PDB file of N, CA and C in Angstrom:
ATOM      1  N   MET A   1      -0.136  -9.037   4.547  1.00  0.00           N
ATOM      2  CA  MET A   1       0.799  -9.474   5.644  1.00  0.00           C
ATOM      3  C   MET A   1       0.837 -10.758   6.129  1.00  0.00           C
ATOM      4  N   VAL A   2      -0.460 -11.127   6.553  1.00  0.00           N
ATOM      5  CA  VAL A   2      -0.456 -12.432   7.100  1.00  0.00           C
ATOM      6  C   VAL A   2       0.012 -13.648   6.302  1.00  0.00           C
ATOM      7  N   VAL A   3      -0.289 -13.523   4.835  1.00  0.00           N
ATOM      8  CA  VAL A   3      -0.049 -14.505   4.053  1.00  0.00           C
ATOM      9  C   VAL A   3       1.525 -14.515   3.804  1.00  0.00           C
ATOM     10  N   ALA A   4       1.982 -13.194   3.751  1.00  0.00           N
ATOM     11  CA  ALA A   4       3.506 -13.163   3.483  1.00  0.00           C
ATOM     12  C   ALA A   4       4.315 -13.495   4.518  1.00  0.00           C
ATOM     13  N   ASN A   5       3.765 -13.214   5.775  1.00  0.00           N
ATOM     14  CA  ASN A   5       4.670 -13.761   7.061  1.00  0.00           C
ATOM     15  C   ASN A   5       4.513 -15.259   7.157  1.00  0.00           C
ATOM     16  N   LEU A   6       3.364 -15.740   7.135  1.00  0.00           N
ATOM     17  CA  LEU A   6       3.172 -17.295   7.112  1.00  0.00           C
ATOM     18  C   LEU A   6       4.125 -17.902   5.970  1.00  0.00           C
ATOM     19  N   TRP A   7       4.000 -17.363   4.722  1.00  0.00           N
ATOM     20  CA  TRP A   7       4.896 -17.995   3.645  1.00  0.00           C
ATOM     21  C   TRP A   7       6.442 -17.900   4.039  1.00  0.00           C
ATOM     22  N   GLY A   8       6.755 -16.709   4.564  1.00  0.00           N
ATOM     23  CA  GLY A   8       8.330 -16.564   5.069  1.00  0.00           C
ATOM     24  C   GLY A   8       8.535 -17.482   6.066  1.00  0.00           C
ATOM     25  N   ARG A   9       7.593 -17.769   7.105  1.00  0.00           N
ATOM     26  CA  ARG A   9       7.904 -18.888   8.232  1.00  0.00           C
ATOM     27  C   ARG A   9       8.168 -20.285   7.524  1.00  0.00           C
ATOM     28  N   LYS A  10       7.169 -20.512   6.650  1.00  0.00           N
ATOM     29  CA  LYS A  10       7.136 -21.825   5.938  1.00  0.00           C
ATOM     30  C   LYS A  10       8.470 -22.221   5.139  1.00  0.00           C
ATOM     31  N   THR A  11       8.877 -21.241   4.289  1.00  0.00           N
ATOM     32  CA  THR A  11       9.852 -21.454   3.468  1.00  0.00           C
ATOM     33  C   THR A  11      11.208 -21.033   3.897  1.00  0.00           C
ATOM     34  N   GLY A  12      11.263 -20.169   4.942  1.00  0.00           N
ATOM     35  CA  GLY A  12      12.445 -19.628   5.572  1.00  0.00           C
ATOM     36  C   GLY A  12      13.268 -18.545   4.769  1.00  0.00           C
ATOM     37  N   ARG A  13      12.402 -17.977   3.699  1.00  0.00           N
ATOM     38  CA  ARG A  13      12.734 -16.734   3.038  1.00  0.00           C
ATOM     39  C   ARG A  13      12.030 -15.642   3.593  1.00  0.00           C
ATOM     40  N   PRO A  14      12.628 -14.451   3.174  1.00  0.00           N
ATOM     41  CA  PRO A  14      12.141 -13.227   3.425  1.00  0.00           C
ATOM     42  C   PRO A  14      10.527 -12.926   3.070  1.00  0.00           C
ATOM     43  N   SER A  15       9.747 -12.563   3.896  1.00  0.00           N
ATOM     44  CA  SER A  15       8.372 -12.285   3.545  1.00  0.00           C
ATOM     45  C   SER A  15       8.360 -11.125   2.658  1.00  0.00           C
ATOM     46  N   SER A  16       9.337 -10.306   2.426  1.00  0.00           N
ATOM     47  CA  SER A  16       9.070  -9.282   1.359  1.00  0.00           C
ATOM     48  C   SER A  16       9.104  -9.759  -0.143  1.00  0.00           C
ATOM     49  N   ILE A  17       9.484 -10.922  -0.350  1.00  0.00           N
ATOM     50  CA  ILE A  17       9.234 -11.619  -1.663  1.00  0.00           C
ATOM     51  C   ILE A  17       7.903 -11.636  -1.973  1.00  0.00           C
ATOM     52  N   VAL A  18       6.869 -11.952  -1.160  1.00  0.00           N
ATOM     53  CA  VAL A  18       5.519 -11.870  -1.460  1.00  0.00           C
ATOM     54  C   VAL A  18       4.826 -10.411  -1.045  1.00  0.00           C
ATOM     55  N   LEU A  19       5.489  -9.794  -0.193  1.00  0.00           N
ATOM     56  CA  LEU A  19       4.903  -8.443   0.212  1.00  0.00           C
ATOM     57  C   LEU A  19       5.091  -7.311  -0.708  1.00  0.00           C
ATOM     58  N   ILE A  20       6.254  -7.232  -1.321  1.00  0.00           N
ATOM     59  CA  ILE A  20       6.531  -6.210  -2.081  1.00  0.00           C
ATOM     60  C   ILE A  20       5.630  -6.109  -3.333  1.00  0.00           C
ATOM     61  N   PRO A  21       5.613  -7.353  -4.156  1.00  0.00           N
ATOM     62  CA  PRO A  21       4.575  -7.072  -5.106  1.00  0.00           C
ATOM     63  C   PRO A  21       3.146  -6.904  -4.845  1.00  0.00           C
ATOM     64  N   ALA A  22       2.730  -7.337  -3.625  1.00  0.00           N
ATOM     65  CA  ALA A  22       1.321  -7.122  -3.236  1.00  0.00           C
ATOM     66  C   ALA A  22       1.117  -5.524  -2.965  1.00  0.00           C
ATOM     67  N   ILE A  23       2.226  -4.958  -2.468  1.00  0.00           N
ATOM     68  CA  ILE A  23       2.060  -3.403  -2.050  1.00  0.00           C
ATOM     69  C   ILE A  23       2.042  -2.607  -3.355  1.00  0.00           C
ATOM     70  N   VAL A  24       2.884  -3.103  -4.175  1.00  0.00           N
ATOM     71  CA  VAL A  24       3.185  -2.491  -5.549  1.00  0.00           C
ATOM     72  C   VAL A  24       1.636  -2.459  -6.313  1.00  0.00           C
ATOM     73  N   LEU A  25       0.869  -3.485  -6.238  1.00  0.00           N
ATOM     74  CA  LEU A  25      -0.519  -3.491  -6.858  1.00  0.00           C
ATOM     75  C   LEU A  25      -1.424  -2.579  -6.013  1.00  0.00           C
ATOM     76  N   LEU A  26      -1.159  -2.394  -4.823  1.00  0.00           N
ATOM     77  CA  LEU A  26      -2.154  -1.415  -4.037  1.00  0.00           C
ATOM     78  C   LEU A  26      -1.800  -0.014  -4.036  1.00  0.00           C
ATOM     79  N   VAL A  27      -0.584   0.467  -4.531  1.00  0.00           N
ATOM     80  CA  VAL A  27      -0.120   1.801  -4.526  1.00  0.00           C
ATOM     81  C   VAL A  27      -1.187   2.781  -5.340  1.00  0.00           C
ATOM     82  N   SER A  28      -1.404   3.900  -4.588  1.00  0.00           N
ATOM     83  CA  SER A  28      -2.320   4.686  -5.287  1.00  0.00           C
ATOM     84  C   SER A  28      -1.734   5.911  -6.134  1.00  0.00           C
ATOM     85  N   GLY A  29      -0.784   5.558  -6.829  1.00  0.00           N
ATOM     86  CA  GLY A  29      -0.091   6.615  -7.678  1.00  0.00           C
ATOM     87  C   GLY A  29      -0.814   6.968  -8.864  1.00  0.00           C
ATOM     88  N   SER A  30      -1.775   6.193  -9.340  1.00  0.00           N
ATOM     89  CA  SER A  30      -2.563   6.660 -10.471  1.00  0.00           C
ATOM     90  C   SER A  30      -3.720   7.720 -10.166  1.00  0.00           C
ATOM     91  N   ILE A  31      -4.018   7.516  -8.908  1.00  0.00           N
ATOM     92  CA  ILE A  31      -5.145   8.490  -8.412  1.00  0.00           C
ATOM     93  C   ILE A  31      -4.382   9.856  -8.337  1.00  0.00           C
ATOM     94  N   GLY A  32      -3.187   9.874  -7.961  1.00  0.00           N
ATOM     95  CA  GLY A  32      -2.494  11.153  -7.631  1.00  0.00           C
ATOM     96  C   GLY A  32      -2.091  11.781  -8.942  1.00  0.00           C
ATOM     97  N   PHE A  33      -1.871  10.926 -10.077  1.00  0.00           N
ATOM     98  CA  PHE A  33      -1.488  11.441 -11.385  1.00  0.00           C
ATOM     99  C   PHE A  33      -2.951  11.958 -12.061  1.00  0.00           C
ATOM    100  N   ARG A  34      -3.915  11.243 -11.798  1.00  0.00           N
ATOM    101  CA  ARG A  34      -5.217  11.963 -12.316  1.00  0.00           C
ATOM    102  C   ARG A  34      -5.671  13.233 -11.645  1.00  0.00           C
ATOM    103  N   GLY A  35      -5.177  13.207 -10.459  1.00  0.00           N
ATOM    104  CA  GLY A  35      -5.538  14.549  -9.537  1.00  0.00           C
ATOM    105  C   GLY A  35      -4.598  15.611 -10.208  1.00  0.00           C
ATOM    106  N   LEU A  36      -3.392  15.345 -10.463  1.00  0.00           N
ATOM    107  CA  LEU A  36      -2.412  16.325 -11.063  1.00  0.00           C
ATOM    108  C   LEU A  36      -2.983  16.678 -12.347  1.00  0.00           C
ATOM    109  N   ALA A  37      -3.404  15.639 -13.082  1.00  0.00           N
ATOM    110  CA  ALA A  37      -3.937  16.027 -14.400  1.00  0.00           C
ATOM    111  C   ALA A  37      -5.277  17.044 -14.460  1.00  0.00           C
ATOM    112  N   ALA A  38      -6.141  16.734 -13.404  1.00  0.00           N
ATOM    113  CA  ALA A  38      -7.401  17.508 -13.339  1.00  0.00           C
ATOM    114  C   ALA A  38      -6.904  18.944 -12.814  1.00  0.00           C
ATOM    115  N   ILE A  39      -5.992  18.971 -11.919  1.00  0.00           N
ATOM    116  CA  ILE A  39      -5.473  20.363 -11.574  1.00  0.00           C
ATOM    117  C   ILE A  39      -5.026  21.224 -12.745  1.00  0.00           C
ATOM    118  N   ALA A  40      -4.141  20.483 -13.532  1.00  0.00           N
ATOM    119  CA  ALA A  40      -3.402  21.116 -14.670  1.00  0.00           C
ATOM    120  C   ALA A  40      -4.543  21.501 -15.728  1.00  0.00           C
ATOM    121  N   GLY A  41      -5.657  20.788 -15.744  1.00  0.00           N
ATOM    122  CA  GLY A  41      -6.663  20.894 -16.694  1.00  0.00           C
ATOM    123  C   GLY A  41      -7.584  21.973 -16.204  1.00  0.00           C
ATOM    124  N   GLY A  42      -7.377  22.477 -14.934  1.00  0.00           N
ATOM    125  CA  GLY A  42      -8.226  23.652 -14.625  1.00  0.00           C
ATOM    126  C   GLY A  42      -9.274  23.241 -13.606  1.00  0.00           C
ATOM    127  N   ASP A  43      -9.585  21.839 -13.556  1.00  0.00           N
ATOM    128  CA  ASP A  43     -10.542  21.577 -12.438  1.00  0.00           C
ATOM    129  C   ASP A  43      -9.839  21.372 -11.164  1.00  0.00           C
ATOM    130  N   LEU A  44      -9.883  22.454 -10.241  1.00  0.00           N
ATOM    131  CA  LEU A  44      -9.068  22.369  -9.039  1.00  0.00           C
ATOM    132  C   LEU A  44      -9.939  21.497  -7.962  1.00  0.00           C
ATOM    133  N   LEU A  45     -11.308  21.514  -8.003  1.00  0.00           N
ATOM    134  CA  LEU A  45     -12.028  20.848  -7.046  1.00  0.00           C
ATOM    135  C   LEU A  45     -11.774  19.376  -7.190  1.00  0.00           C
ATOM    136  N   LEU A  46     -11.848  18.866  -8.420  1.00  0.00           N
ATOM    137  CA  LEU A  46     -11.663  17.426  -8.751  1.00  0.00           C
ATOM    138  C   LEU A  46     -10.259  16.982  -8.425  1.00  0.00           C
ATOM    139  N   GLY A  47      -9.344  17.841  -8.669  1.00  0.00           N
ATOM    140  CA  GLY A  47      -7.887  17.481  -8.327  1.00  0.00           C
ATOM    141  C   GLY A  47      -7.706  17.429  -6.945  1.00  0.00           C
ATOM    142  N   VAL A  48      -8.035  18.264  -6.127  1.00  0.00           N
ATOM    143  CA  VAL A  48      -7.802  18.250  -4.778  1.00  0.00           C
ATOM    144  C   VAL A  48      -8.592  17.022  -4.171  1.00  0.00           C
ATOM    145  N   GLY A  49      -9.714  16.690  -4.713  1.00  0.00           N
ATOM    146  CA  GLY A  49     -10.551  15.524  -4.234  1.00  0.00           C
ATOM    147  C   GLY A  49      -9.724  14.216  -4.451  1.00  0.00           C
ATOM    148  N   GLN A  50      -9.110  14.167  -5.609  1.00  0.00           N
ATOM    149  CA  GLN A  50      -8.449  12.918  -5.925  1.00  0.00           C
ATOM    150  C   GLN A  50      -7.148  12.960  -5.216  1.00  0.00           C
ATOM    151  N   PHE A  51      -6.389  13.949  -4.917  1.00  0.00           N
ATOM    152  CA  PHE A  51      -5.283  14.051  -4.055  1.00  0.00           C
ATOM    153  C   PHE A  51      -5.589  13.362  -2.561  1.00  0.00           C
ATOM    154  N   LEU A  52      -6.722  13.928  -2.157  1.00  0.00           N
ATOM    155  CA  LEU A  52      -7.301  13.551  -0.791  1.00  0.00           C
ATOM    156  C   LEU A  52      -7.581  12.018  -0.759  1.00  0.00           C
ATOM    157  N   GLN A  53      -8.050  11.593  -1.876  1.00  0.00           N
ATOM    158  CA  GLN A  53      -8.367  10.190  -1.991  1.00  0.00           C
ATOM    159  C   GLN A  53      -6.998   9.360  -2.010  1.00  0.00           C
ATOM    160  N   MET A  54      -6.088   9.854  -2.632  1.00  0.00           N
ATOM    161  CA  MET A  54      -4.848   9.243  -2.833  1.00  0.00           C
ATOM    162  C   MET A  54      -4.205   9.077  -1.297  1.00  0.00           C
ATOM    163  N   PHE A  55      -4.326   9.961  -0.412  1.00  0.00           N
ATOM    164  CA  PHE A  55      -3.755  10.144   0.924  1.00  0.00           C
ATOM    165  C   PHE A  55      -4.506   9.022   1.694  1.00  0.00           C
ATOM    166  N   VAL A  56      -5.876   8.927   1.453  1.00  0.00           N
ATOM    167  CA  VAL A  56      -6.803   8.019   2.164  1.00  0.00           C
ATOM    168  C   VAL A  56      -6.415   6.744   1.896  1.00  0.00           C
ATOM    169  N   VAL A  57      -6.262   6.268   0.564  1.00  0.00           N
ATOM    170  CA  VAL A  57      -5.742   4.971   0.172  1.00  0.00           C
ATOM    171  C   VAL A  57      -4.376   4.718   0.859  1.00  0.00           C
ATOM    172  N   ALA A  58      -3.475   5.510   0.795  1.00  0.00           N
ATOM    173  CA  ALA A  58      -2.212   5.411   1.460  1.00  0.00           C
ATOM    174  C   ALA A  58      -2.176   5.001   2.852  1.00  0.00           C
ATOM    175  N   VAL A  59      -3.004   5.899   3.490  1.00  0.00           N
ATOM    176  CA  VAL A  59      -3.190   5.632   5.177  1.00  0.00           C
ATOM    177  C   VAL A  59      -3.906   4.064   5.228  1.00  0.00           C
ATOM    178  N   THR A  60      -4.927   3.760   4.342  1.00  0.00           N
ATOM    179  CA  THR A  60      -5.607   2.559   4.554  1.00  0.00           C
ATOM    180  C   THR A  60      -4.645   1.385   4.333  1.00  0.00           C
ATOM    181  N   ILE A  61      -3.649   1.510   3.496  1.00  0.00           N
ATOM    182  CA  ILE A  61      -2.724   0.532   3.060  1.00  0.00           C
ATOM    183  C   ILE A  61      -1.779   0.375   4.430  1.00  0.00           C
ATOM    184  N   LEU A  62      -1.269   1.503   4.989  1.00  0.00           N
ATOM    185  CA  LEU A  62      -0.491   1.444   5.963  1.00  0.00           C
ATOM    186  C   LEU A  62      -1.175   0.814   7.272  1.00  0.00           C
ATOM    187  N   VAL A  63      -2.378   1.106   7.425  1.00  0.00           N
ATOM    188  CA  VAL A  63      -3.144   0.643   8.634  1.00  0.00           C
ATOM    189  C   VAL A  63      -3.342  -0.920   8.327  1.00  0.00           C
ATOM    190  N   GLY A  64      -3.465  -1.218   7.253  1.00  0.00           N
ATOM    191  CA  GLY A  64      -3.602  -2.868   6.873  1.00  0.00           C
ATOM    192  C   GLY A  64      -2.239  -3.506   7.069  1.00  0.00           C
ATOM    193  N   ILE A  65      -1.295  -2.971   6.673  1.00  0.00           N
ATOM    194  CA  ILE A  65       0.102  -3.388   6.934  1.00  0.00           C
ATOM    195  C   ILE A  65       0.383  -3.605   8.563  1.00  0.00           C
ATOM    196  N   MET A  66      -0.016  -2.650   9.316  1.00  0.00           N
ATOM    197  CA  MET A  66       0.177  -2.733  10.806  1.00  0.00           C
ATOM    198  C   MET A  66      -0.450  -3.638  11.426  1.00  0.00           C
ATOM    199  N   ILE A  67      -1.852  -3.977  10.996  1.00  0.00           N
ATOM    200  CA  ILE A  67      -2.586  -4.878  11.409  1.00  0.00           C
ATOM    201  C   ILE A  67      -2.170  -6.243  11.154  1.00  0.00           C
ATOM    202  N   GLY A  68      -1.647  -6.294   9.910  1.00  0.00           N
ATOM    203  CA  GLY A  68      -1.143  -7.737   9.442  1.00  0.00           C
ATOM    204  C   GLY A  68       0.128  -7.959  10.281  1.00  0.00           C
ATOM    205  N   TYR A  69       0.973  -7.097  10.628  1.00  0.00           N
ATOM    206  CA  TYR A  69       2.182  -7.418  11.428  1.00  0.00           C
ATOM    207  C   TYR A  69       1.639  -7.738  12.949  1.00  0.00           C
ATOM    208  N   THR A  70       0.534  -7.189  13.268  1.00  0.00           N
ATOM    209  CA  THR A  70       0.009  -7.565  14.638  1.00  0.00           C
ATOM    210  C   THR A  70      -0.348  -8.882  14.787  1.00  0.00           C
ATOM    211  N   ILE A  71      -1.183  -9.330  13.560  1.00  0.00           N
ATOM    212  CA  ILE A  71      -1.881 -10.731  13.468  1.00  0.00           C
ATOM    213  C   ILE A  71      -0.724 -11.680  13.623  1.00  0.00           C
ATOM    214  N   THR A  72       0.391 -11.643  12.683  1.00  0.00           N
ATOM    215  CA  THR A  72       1.453 -12.506  12.413  1.00  0.00           C
ATOM    216  C   THR A  72       2.643 -11.788  12.341  1.00  0.00           C
ATOM    217  N   ARG A  73       3.569 -11.899  13.271  1.00  0.00           N
ATOM    218  CA  ARG A  73       4.850 -11.249  13.446  1.00  0.00           C
ATOM    219  C   ARG A  73       5.674 -12.007  12.420  1.00  0.00           C
ATOM    220  N   PRO A  74       6.506 -11.201  11.673  1.00  0.00           N
ATOM    221  CA  PRO A  74       7.485 -11.863  10.991  1.00  0.00           C
ATOM    222  C   PRO A  74       8.685 -12.557  11.700  1.00  0.00           C
ATOM    223  N   GLU A  75       9.552 -13.388  11.196  1.00  0.00           N
ATOM    224  CA  GLU A  75      10.581 -13.965  11.773  1.00  0.00           C
ATOM    225  C   GLU A  75      11.545 -13.006  11.892  1.00  0.00           C
ATOM    226  N   PRO A  76      12.337 -12.845  13.064  1.00  0.00           N
ATOM    227  CA  PRO A  76      13.410 -11.891  13.371  1.00  0.00           C
ATOM    228  C   PRO A  76      14.439 -11.858  12.348  1.00  0.00           C
ATOM    229  N   GLY A  77      14.879 -12.931  11.779  1.00  0.00           N
ATOM    230  CA  GLY A  77      15.950 -13.123  10.948  1.00  0.00           C
ATOM    231  C   GLY A  77      15.548 -12.727   9.362  1.00  0.00           C
ATOM    232  N   LEU A  78      14.335 -12.571   9.319  1.00  0.00           N
ATOM    233  CA  LEU A  78      13.783 -12.465   7.850  1.00  0.00           C
ATOM    234  C   LEU A  78      13.361 -10.964   7.767  1.00  0.00           C
TER     235      LEU A  78
END
């Protein structure tokens, strides 16, 4: 967030150009697919644990984004 917002200010371009690829790298979709595969394979405990882990990762990413916006606010027009 901080790097994306500072980059956006310096270049005059939207910070989402840097932000979206960074978020895509952090998305926890593979953990969810592994959990679904574990449940489909009959291991309910492992599958539910991986689904819980997926939500923890998603909430952690959300908190990081919120803290980043608090540290450096994006330009209003960007």
